[in-house]
Protein backbone atom coordinates (compact mmCIF):
# COMPACT_ATOMS: atom_id res chain seq x y z
CA UNK A 1 -7.10 -10.25 -24.07
CA UNK A 2 -9.45 -8.56 -21.50
CA UNK A 3 -8.10 -10.93 -19.08
CA UNK A 4 -4.50 -9.86 -19.41
CA UNK A 5 -5.16 -6.29 -19.21
CA UNK A 6 -7.53 -6.38 -16.30
CA UNK A 7 -5.72 -8.89 -14.18
CA UNK A 8 -2.33 -10.04 -14.98
CA UNK A 9 -0.51 -6.93 -16.31
CA UNK A 10 -1.37 -4.80 -12.87
CA UNK A 11 -0.38 -8.00 -10.96
CA UNK A 12 3.08 -7.79 -13.17
CA UNK A 13 3.72 -4.31 -12.33
CA UNK A 14 3.02 -4.55 -8.91
CA UNK A 15 5.03 -7.48 -8.19
CA UNK A 16 7.86 -5.93 -10.28
CA UNK A 17 7.89 -2.66 -8.29
CA UNK A 18 8.06 -4.38 -4.82
CA UNK A 19 10.82 -6.86 -5.98
CA UNK A 20 12.85 -3.95 -7.27
CA UNK A 21 12.15 -1.91 -4.03
CA UNK A 22 12.87 -4.89 -1.88
CA UNK A 23 15.85 -5.85 -3.61
CA UNK A 24 17.41 -2.52 -3.77
CA UNK A 25 16.64 -1.75 0.42
CA UNK A 26 18.05 -5.36 1.40
CA UNK A 27 20.45 -6.56 -1.12
CA UNK A 28 22.48 -4.12 -1.95
CA UNK A 29 25.61 -6.76 -2.64
CA UNK A 30 23.89 -8.62 -5.49
CA UNK A 31 24.95 -6.81 -8.75
CA UNK A 32 22.20 -4.46 -10.29
CA UNK A 33 21.79 -6.60 -13.44
CA UNK A 34 21.10 -9.94 -11.25
CA UNK A 35 18.72 -7.84 -9.36
CA UNK A 36 16.95 -6.73 -12.51
CA UNK A 37 16.94 -10.52 -13.88
CA UNK A 38 15.43 -11.33 -10.58
CA UNK A 39 12.71 -8.60 -10.86
CA UNK A 40 11.86 -9.45 -14.16
CA UNK A 41 11.64 -13.21 -13.31
CA UNK A 42 9.29 -12.65 -10.64
CA UNK A 43 7.04 -10.30 -12.68
CA UNK A 44 6.98 -12.94 -15.24
CA UNK A 45 6.25 -15.55 -13.03
CA UNK A 46 3.26 -13.90 -11.15
CA UNK A 47 1.80 -12.81 -14.90
CA UNK A 48 1.83 -16.33 -16.02
CA UNK A 49 0.22 -17.47 -12.96
CA UNK A 50 -2.60 -14.75 -12.76
CA UNK A 51 -3.16 -15.70 -16.31
CA UNK A 52 -3.99 -19.10 -15.55
CA UNK A 53 -5.56 -18.96 -12.08
CA UNK A 54 -8.20 -15.69 -12.73
CA UNK A 55 -10.84 -17.03 -14.75
CA UNK A 56 -12.02 -15.28 -18.39
CA UNK A 57 -15.67 -14.46 -16.92
CA UNK A 58 -18.68 -16.26 -15.20
CA UNK A 59 -18.82 -19.80 -16.15
CA UNK A 60 -22.36 -21.39 -17.03
CA UNK A 61 -22.70 -24.26 -15.10
CA UNK A 62 -24.85 -26.13 -17.38
CA UNK A 63 -21.87 -26.58 -19.61
């Protein structure tokens, strides 16, 4: 659970903020609910990827 608090959640928040900002800046013709869905999808995808890509802690090379 520490891994989620340390890496995944901040990455999700950063990706969501950047996605929302970029979609509102460049793509006003897309309805707001669709921009929200795209932002939520991007945040969830980045959270899942960071959850699996960042290790839990130092690995013991003898194991």
